[in-house]
Protein backbone atom coordinates (compact mmCIF):
# COMPACT_ATOMS: atom_id res chain seq x y z
CA MET A 1 16.85 26.16 10.24
CA LYS A 2 16.06 25.09 13.80
CA THR A 3 16.76 28.33 15.67
CA LYS A 4 15.11 31.64 14.83
CA ILE A 5 17.50 34.47 14.12
CA ILE A 6 15.25 37.02 15.85
CA GLU A 7 12.55 36.03 18.29
CA GLY A 8 9.22 37.52 17.34
CA VAL A 9 10.39 38.54 13.86
CA GLU A 10 10.10 36.40 10.75
CA LEU A 11 13.52 36.96 9.20
CA THR A 12 13.22 33.94 6.94
CA GLN A 13 15.46 32.33 4.35
CA GLY A 14 12.98 33.33 1.66
CA ALA A 15 12.99 36.96 2.79
CA VAL A 16 16.79 37.18 2.64
CA ASP A 17 16.89 35.40 -0.74
CA SER A 18 14.28 37.78 -2.18
CA TYR A 19 16.01 40.83 -0.75
CA LEU A 20 19.37 39.91 -2.29
CA LYS A 21 17.74 39.11 -5.62
CA GLU A 22 15.76 42.33 -5.90
CA ARG A 23 18.15 44.78 -4.23
CA GLN A 24 19.71 47.27 -6.66
CA TYR A 25 23.38 47.66 -5.80
CA GLU A 26 25.78 50.16 -7.31
CA ALA A 27 27.30 48.97 -10.57
CA LEU A 28 31.01 48.16 -10.29
CA TYR A 29 33.76 47.97 -12.89
CA TRP A 30 35.24 44.60 -11.98
CA SER A 31 32.50 42.45 -13.51
CA THR A 32 32.84 44.30 -16.84
CA PHE A 33 36.60 43.86 -17.14
CA PHE A 34 36.76 40.51 -15.32
CA PRO A 35 33.43 38.63 -15.49
CA ARG A 36 33.06 35.83 -12.96
CA LYS A 37 34.32 32.37 -13.83
CA ASP A 38 33.72 29.50 -11.42
CA VAL A 39 36.61 27.11 -10.87
CA ALA A 40 36.71 23.87 -8.88
CA GLN A 41 39.92 24.58 -6.96
CA LEU A 42 41.54 27.48 -5.14
CA ASN A 43 44.08 28.00 -7.89
CA ALA A 44 43.79 28.43 -11.63
CA THR A 45 46.02 28.89 -14.66
CA THR A 46 46.25 32.00 -16.81
CA LEU A 47 47.70 31.81 -20.32
CA ILE A 48 49.25 35.15 -21.27
CA GLY A 49 49.72 35.76 -24.96
CA SER A 50 47.33 33.04 -26.08
CA LYS A 51 45.39 35.57 -28.16
CA GLY A 52 47.33 37.42 -30.81
CA SER A 53 46.42 39.47 -33.87
CA ARG A 54 44.67 37.80 -36.78
CA ALA A 55 47.14 35.69 -38.76
CA VAL A 56 47.15 35.34 -42.55
CA ALA A 57 47.12 32.04 -44.35
CA ALA A 58 49.86 31.22 -46.84
CA VAL A 59 49.28 31.49 -50.58
CA ILE A 60 50.41 28.21 -52.09
CA SER A 61 50.30 26.47 -55.43
CA TYR A 62 47.80 23.76 -56.24
CA ASN A 63 48.86 20.20 -55.33
CA ALA A 64 51.32 21.61 -52.78
CA LYS A 65 51.38 20.60 -49.13
CA THR A 66 49.73 23.06 -46.75
CA PRO A 67 52.33 24.69 -44.46
CA GLU A 68 51.97 24.23 -40.73
CA ALA A 69 51.68 27.34 -38.58
CA GLY A 70 53.74 27.74 -35.45
CA ARG A 71 52.24 28.47 -32.05
CA LYS A 72 52.75 31.76 -30.31
CA VAL A 73 54.92 31.56 -27.23
CA ILE A 74 52.60 31.54 -24.23
CA GLN A 75 53.45 32.58 -20.68
CA LYS A 76 51.67 30.51 -18.06
CA LYS A 77 50.85 31.94 -14.65
CA THR A 78 49.21 30.16 -11.74
CA VAL A 79 46.72 32.25 -9.81
CA ASP A 80 46.20 31.45 -6.13
CA ILE A 81 42.65 32.40 -5.16
CA PRO A 82 42.46 34.08 -1.73
CA LYS A 83 39.57 34.29 0.69
CA ILE A 84 37.72 37.60 0.98
CA ALA A 85 35.55 37.91 4.09
CA ILE A 86 34.02 40.43 6.46
CA LYS A 87 31.39 40.31 9.20
CA ARG A 88 29.16 42.59 11.23
CA VAL A 89 27.90 41.70 14.68
CA LYS A 90 24.71 42.78 16.42
CA THR A 91 25.79 43.02 20.04
CA GLU A 92 23.78 42.16 23.15
CA ILE A 93 22.95 45.84 23.72
CA GLU A 94 21.82 46.31 20.11
CA ILE A 95 19.61 43.23 20.36
CA LEU A 96 17.99 44.59 23.53
CA GLU A 97 17.44 47.93 21.82
CA GLN A 98 15.73 46.13 18.96
CA ARG A 99 12.99 45.05 21.36
CA MET A 100 12.09 48.74 21.71
CA THR A 101 12.23 49.16 17.93
CA LEU A 102 9.95 46.15 17.52
CA ALA A 103 7.41 47.58 20.00
CA MET A 104 7.46 51.10 18.56
CA LEU A 105 7.95 50.58 14.79
CA GLY A 106 7.10 46.96 14.16
CA ALA A 107 8.89 43.95 12.70
CA ASN A 108 9.73 45.54 9.36
CA ALA A 109 11.97 48.13 11.03
CA VAL A 110 13.94 45.38 12.79
CA ILE A 111 14.28 43.36 9.57
CA SER A 112 15.48 46.48 7.73
CA ASP A 113 18.17 46.88 10.35
CA TYR A 114 19.47 43.37 9.59
CA PHE A 115 19.26 44.01 5.87
CA GLU A 116 21.60 46.97 6.39
CA ASP A 117 24.21 44.51 7.65
CA VAL A 118 23.55 42.28 4.63
CA ASP A 119 24.14 45.30 2.36
CA TYR A 120 27.31 46.21 4.22
CA VAL A 121 29.03 42.82 3.96
CA TYR A 122 27.86 42.24 0.38
CA ASP A 123 29.19 45.64 -0.71
CA ALA A 124 32.44 45.08 1.19
CA VAL A 125 33.22 41.76 -0.52
CA ASN A 126 32.45 43.29 -3.91
CA GLY A 127 34.50 46.33 -2.94
CA ARG A 128 37.58 44.16 -2.46
CA GLN A 129 36.99 42.54 -5.87
CA GLU A 130 36.73 46.04 -7.32
CA TRP A 131 40.00 46.94 -5.60
CA PHE A 132 41.70 43.81 -6.97
CA ALA A 133 40.55 44.49 -10.54
CA LEU A 134 41.41 48.20 -10.65
CA GLN A 135 44.75 47.84 -8.89
CA ALA A 136 45.71 45.16 -11.40
CA LEU A 137 44.56 47.13 -14.44
CA SER A 138 46.20 50.40 -13.39
CA LEU A 139 49.42 49.20 -11.74
CA THR A 140 49.77 45.83 -13.57
CA LYS A 141 50.39 44.31 -10.14
CA ILE A 142 48.84 43.82 -6.71
CA GLN A 143 50.47 44.03 -3.31
CA LEU A 144 48.59 43.65 -0.05
CA SER A 145 49.97 45.86 2.71
CA THR A 146 49.11 47.02 6.21
CA THR A 147 47.65 50.13 4.57
CA ASN A 148 45.36 48.58 1.96
CA ASN A 149 44.57 45.35 3.87
CA PRO A 150 45.00 46.31 7.56
CA ASN A 151 42.76 43.57 8.92
CA GLY A 152 44.02 40.75 6.72
CA VAL A 153 47.10 39.11 5.27
CA VAL A 154 50.08 41.00 3.85
CA ASN A 155 51.90 39.41 0.92
CA GLU A 156 55.68 39.71 1.00
CA GLU A 157 56.05 39.62 -2.79
CA VAL A 158 54.30 41.73 -5.40
CA ILE A 159 51.79 39.79 -7.52
CA ASP A 160 52.93 40.87 -10.99
CA PHE A 161 50.55 40.14 -13.87
CA GLY A 162 53.39 40.09 -16.39
CA MET A 163 52.93 43.12 -18.65
CA PRO A 164 55.93 43.15 -21.04
CA THR A 165 58.47 45.91 -20.43
CA ALA A 166 57.98 47.10 -24.03
CA ASN A 167 54.32 47.82 -23.22
CA LYS A 168 55.18 50.24 -20.40
CA LYS A 169 55.48 53.82 -21.65
CA VAL A 170 56.16 57.27 -20.21
CA VAL A 171 54.97 60.74 -21.21
CA SER A 172 57.07 63.30 -23.07
CA VAL A 173 56.50 65.87 -20.29
CA VAL A 174 55.34 65.02 -16.76
CA TRP A 175 51.65 65.69 -16.25
CA SER A 176 51.02 68.16 -13.43
CA THR A 177 49.32 71.48 -12.78
CA GLY A 178 52.74 73.10 -13.00
CA THR A 179 53.37 71.73 -16.51
CA ALA A 180 49.94 72.55 -17.96
CA ALA A 181 51.53 74.86 -20.54
CA THR A 182 54.09 72.33 -21.82
CA MET A 183 52.57 68.84 -21.40
CA ASP A 184 51.03 67.36 -24.55
CA PRO A 185 48.49 64.58 -23.85
CA ILE A 186 47.54 64.11 -27.51
CA ALA A 187 51.18 63.59 -28.49
CA ASP A 188 51.54 61.08 -25.64
CA PHE A 189 48.44 59.21 -26.80
CA LYS A 190 49.67 59.15 -30.39
CA ALA A 191 53.00 57.71 -29.28
CA VAL A 192 51.28 54.87 -27.40
CA ALA A 193 48.92 54.19 -30.31
CA LYS A 194 51.88 54.02 -32.71
CA ALA A 195 53.77 51.65 -30.41
CA GLY A 196 50.63 49.51 -30.21
CA ARG A 197 50.29 49.34 -34.00
CA ALA A 198 53.87 48.08 -34.23
CA LEU A 199 52.75 45.13 -32.09
CA GLY A 200 49.54 44.59 -34.03
CA LEU A 201 47.39 46.24 -31.35
CA LYS A 202 44.55 48.69 -31.98
CA PHE A 203 43.48 50.27 -28.72
CA THR A 204 39.80 51.09 -28.29
CA LYS A 205 39.82 52.66 -24.83
CA MET A 206 42.19 54.26 -22.36
CA LEU A 207 41.33 54.01 -18.69
CA MET A 208 42.31 56.82 -16.34
CA HIS A 209 41.75 58.34 -12.89
CA PRO A 210 39.54 61.47 -12.65
CA ASP A 211 42.56 63.50 -11.49
CA ALA A 212 44.51 62.46 -14.60
CA TYR A 213 41.49 63.45 -16.70
CA ASP A 214 41.53 66.88 -15.06
CA LEU A 215 45.23 67.29 -15.84
CA MET A 216 44.58 66.26 -19.45
CA THR A 217 41.73 68.72 -19.98
CA GLY A 218 43.68 71.47 -18.21
CA ALA A 219 46.62 71.19 -20.60
CA THR A 220 47.03 74.19 -22.91
CA LYS A 221 48.01 72.04 -25.91
CA PHE A 222 45.05 69.73 -25.36
CA GLN A 223 42.67 72.69 -25.28
CA ALA A 224 44.24 73.99 -28.49
CA TYR A 225 42.86 71.00 -30.40
CA PHE A 226 39.36 72.17 -29.52
CA LYS A 227 40.09 75.73 -30.58
CA ASN A 228 41.40 74.43 -33.88
CA ILE A 229 38.08 72.76 -34.63
CA ALA A 230 36.07 75.80 -33.47
CA LEU A 231 34.69 74.24 -30.28
CA ASP A 232 34.35 76.34 -27.16
CA VAL A 233 37.07 75.15 -24.77
CA VAL A 234 35.01 75.58 -21.62
CA ALA A 235 31.51 74.60 -22.74
CA GLY A 236 32.55 72.13 -25.43
CA MET A 237 34.97 69.92 -23.53
CA SER A 238 32.51 67.32 -22.34
CA LEU A 239 33.68 63.71 -22.20
CA ASP A 240 31.48 62.87 -25.20
CA GLN A 241 33.00 65.66 -27.28
CA ILE A 242 36.52 64.78 -26.19
CA ASN A 243 35.93 61.18 -27.26
CA SER A 244 34.48 62.38 -30.54
CA LEU A 245 37.68 64.34 -31.14
CA LEU A 246 39.86 61.37 -30.17
CA ARG A 247 37.95 59.03 -32.49
CA SER A 248 38.42 61.50 -35.36
CA MET A 249 42.17 61.22 -34.75
CA SER A 250 42.02 57.38 -34.64
CA LEU A 251 42.84 57.45 -30.94
CA PRO A 252 41.11 55.39 -28.24
CA GLU A 253 38.25 56.82 -26.19
CA VAL A 254 38.76 57.96 -22.59
CA VAL A 255 37.05 55.99 -19.82
CA VAL A 256 37.22 57.80 -16.48
CA ILE A 257 37.38 55.27 -13.64
CA ASP A 258 35.39 57.20 -11.05
CA THR A 259 34.69 54.96 -8.08
CA SER A 260 35.50 54.66 -4.41
CA VAL A 261 35.92 51.96 -1.78
CA ALA A 262 36.38 52.41 1.96
CA ILE A 263 39.33 50.72 3.67
CA GLU A 264 38.84 50.42 7.42
CA ASN A 265 41.89 50.25 9.69
CA LYS A 266 42.22 48.29 12.91
CA ALA A 267 40.86 51.25 14.87
CA GLY A 268 37.66 51.21 12.81
CA VAL A 269 38.44 54.40 10.89
CA ALA A 270 37.46 54.14 7.21
CA THR A 271 39.33 55.95 4.44
CA GLU A 272 37.73 56.40 1.02
CA THR A 273 40.02 55.64 -1.90
CA ASN A 274 39.81 55.16 -5.65
CA PRO A 275 41.59 51.85 -6.40
CA TRP A 276 42.71 53.18 -9.79
CA ASP A 277 46.21 54.65 -9.53
CA VAL A 278 46.24 58.32 -10.49
CA ASN A 279 49.56 58.17 -12.36
CA HIS A 280 48.76 55.31 -14.75
CA ILE A 281 46.64 55.26 -17.90
CA THR A 282 45.93 51.80 -19.32
CA PHE A 283 45.25 51.32 -23.03
CA ILE A 284 43.10 48.29 -23.87
CA THR A 285 41.98 46.58 -27.08
CA ASP A 286 38.90 44.89 -25.58
CA VAL A 287 36.73 45.65 -22.57
CA LYS A 288 36.85 42.05 -21.34
CA GLN A 289 40.36 41.51 -20.03
CA GLY A 290 40.01 38.14 -18.35
CA TYR A 291 38.04 36.58 -15.53
CA MET A 292 37.44 36.97 -11.84
CA TYR A 293 38.17 33.40 -10.83
CA ASN A 294 35.68 32.24 -8.22
CA GLY A 295 36.63 29.28 -6.05
CA PRO A 296 34.47 27.02 -3.85
CA ILE A 297 33.56 28.15 -0.33
CA ALA A 298 33.97 25.59 2.46
CA GLU A 299 31.05 26.90 4.52
CA GLU A 300 28.74 26.51 1.54
CA ILE A 301 29.82 22.89 1.04
CA GLU A 302 29.79 21.93 4.72
CA LYS A 303 27.02 24.17 6.01
CA PRO A 304 27.23 24.67 9.80
CA ALA A 305 24.14 24.01 11.89
CA ASP A 306 21.68 26.85 12.52
CA VAL A 307 23.21 29.16 9.91
CA MET A 308 21.03 30.96 7.39
CA GLN A 309 22.79 31.19 4.02
CA SER A 310 21.97 33.13 0.88
CA LYS A 311 24.02 33.94 -2.19
CA ARG A 312 24.13 36.58 -4.90
CA GLY A 313 26.72 36.25 -7.62
CA ASN A 314 29.82 34.87 -5.95
CA VAL A 315 29.13 36.44 -2.53
CA LEU A 316 27.86 34.09 0.17
CA ILE A 317 25.91 35.73 3.00
CA SER A 318 25.68 33.85 6.32
CA ILE A 319 23.61 34.88 9.36
CA LYS A 320 24.00 33.12 12.70
CA LYS A 321 22.81 33.71 16.28
CA ASP A 322 25.29 33.02 19.08
CA PHE A 323 25.18 33.14 22.90
CA ASP A 324 27.47 34.09 25.81
CA PRO A 325 27.12 36.89 25.02
CA VAL A 326 24.04 36.89 22.83
CA SER A 327 24.84 38.24 19.35
CA VAL A 328 23.90 37.90 15.69
CA THR A 329 26.68 37.76 13.10
CA THR A 330 26.19 38.61 9.44
CA LYS A 331 29.12 37.52 7.29
CA GLY A 332 29.94 37.97 3.63
CA GLU A 333 32.63 36.00 1.82
CA ALA A 334 33.97 34.95 -1.57
CA ASN A 335 37.08 33.19 -2.78
CA ALA A 336 38.05 35.32 -5.76
CA PHE A 337 40.99 36.81 -7.68
CA PRO A 338 41.41 38.28 -11.19
CA SER A 339 43.11 36.47 -14.06
CA TRP A 340 44.47 38.82 -16.79
CA PRO A 341 45.46 36.86 -19.92
CA MET A 342 45.11 40.01 -22.09
CA VAL A 343 47.85 41.88 -20.22
CA ASP A 344 50.28 41.61 -23.14
CA ARG A 345 47.68 43.27 -25.41
CA CYS A 346 47.52 46.37 -23.23
CA MET A 347 49.88 49.29 -22.65
CA SER A 348 50.43 51.39 -19.56
CA LEU A 349 51.29 55.10 -19.79
CA TYR A 350 52.99 56.51 -16.69
CA ILE A 351 52.35 60.25 -16.39
CA ALA A 352 54.50 61.10 -13.36
CA ASN A 353 57.91 60.65 -15.03
CA ALA A 354 59.23 61.38 -18.52
CA SER A 355 62.05 58.82 -18.43
CA THR A 356 61.21 55.87 -16.13
CA TRP A 357 58.01 53.83 -15.84
CA ALA A 358 57.10 52.93 -12.27
């Protein structure tokens, strides 16, 4: 590029590329459930119900015509891929202060300061993809509001991923600290597993919020299962031992979705939140549920002059120096949204009501 980002400091394209390649970022759930899939346009099609249980071939007599199988009814949904973007700006004052940092601590300290902005925008774009994936998996829908997207667009309609009504279940007794003596998580899990078998589904995992996990392990009837197999309730109720017990009962393993993203409001105040809804447990047959569709980015195709660009995964990082006033902007962006074709092979257990799923 023609213009240096920082005078007197070699913040080069190669340095940013190497940093992004080697940097160890926190592992996120979204790429496990929805691995990235590049698409050529900003919309894509999801086929729901295209994968069913294994069929059986017909037994026929010799010299008879082979019967033709029908095709499963497929629901088609079009996914509009939105833009995810965030930037951080080094102001004129911060740039002047960096001259002191350069004199006292050297160029590496100044470069590290810029790499902090790279980390911030990269994590933020991935954080929104994490939020998309976990909101979809736990609530079976996504809705952008002034609370969860205060600095962006708000969609008037809920984006519903189309889980069948028959796949939405409720507990026999509401899960709460006040119902610890009467709630029966194992019975609730067995009911979902039985309903799944009736549809040809064998669930391998159930995904839940840490608070739901605490309610489950605090239930008297749940603890009784451990006493019945001579395990100490307090010392023996590790996640591994719980999953061992569940497997012995032909029930899916528990996966605790323990993560956090920060949502910053217009005043700049950030609130930490777990995107997984506390009141929903999702039963899945496979870990891979679909794809995170990744659309083309205009700035990458038509690169503006004097902009340093680097990319990791589907996140494009751009760094540009401006004037009047002097500033340096670090921006992260991706055009991404989850596609969930396996939604009809999952079930959702709502633990906050014993009669109505919500």
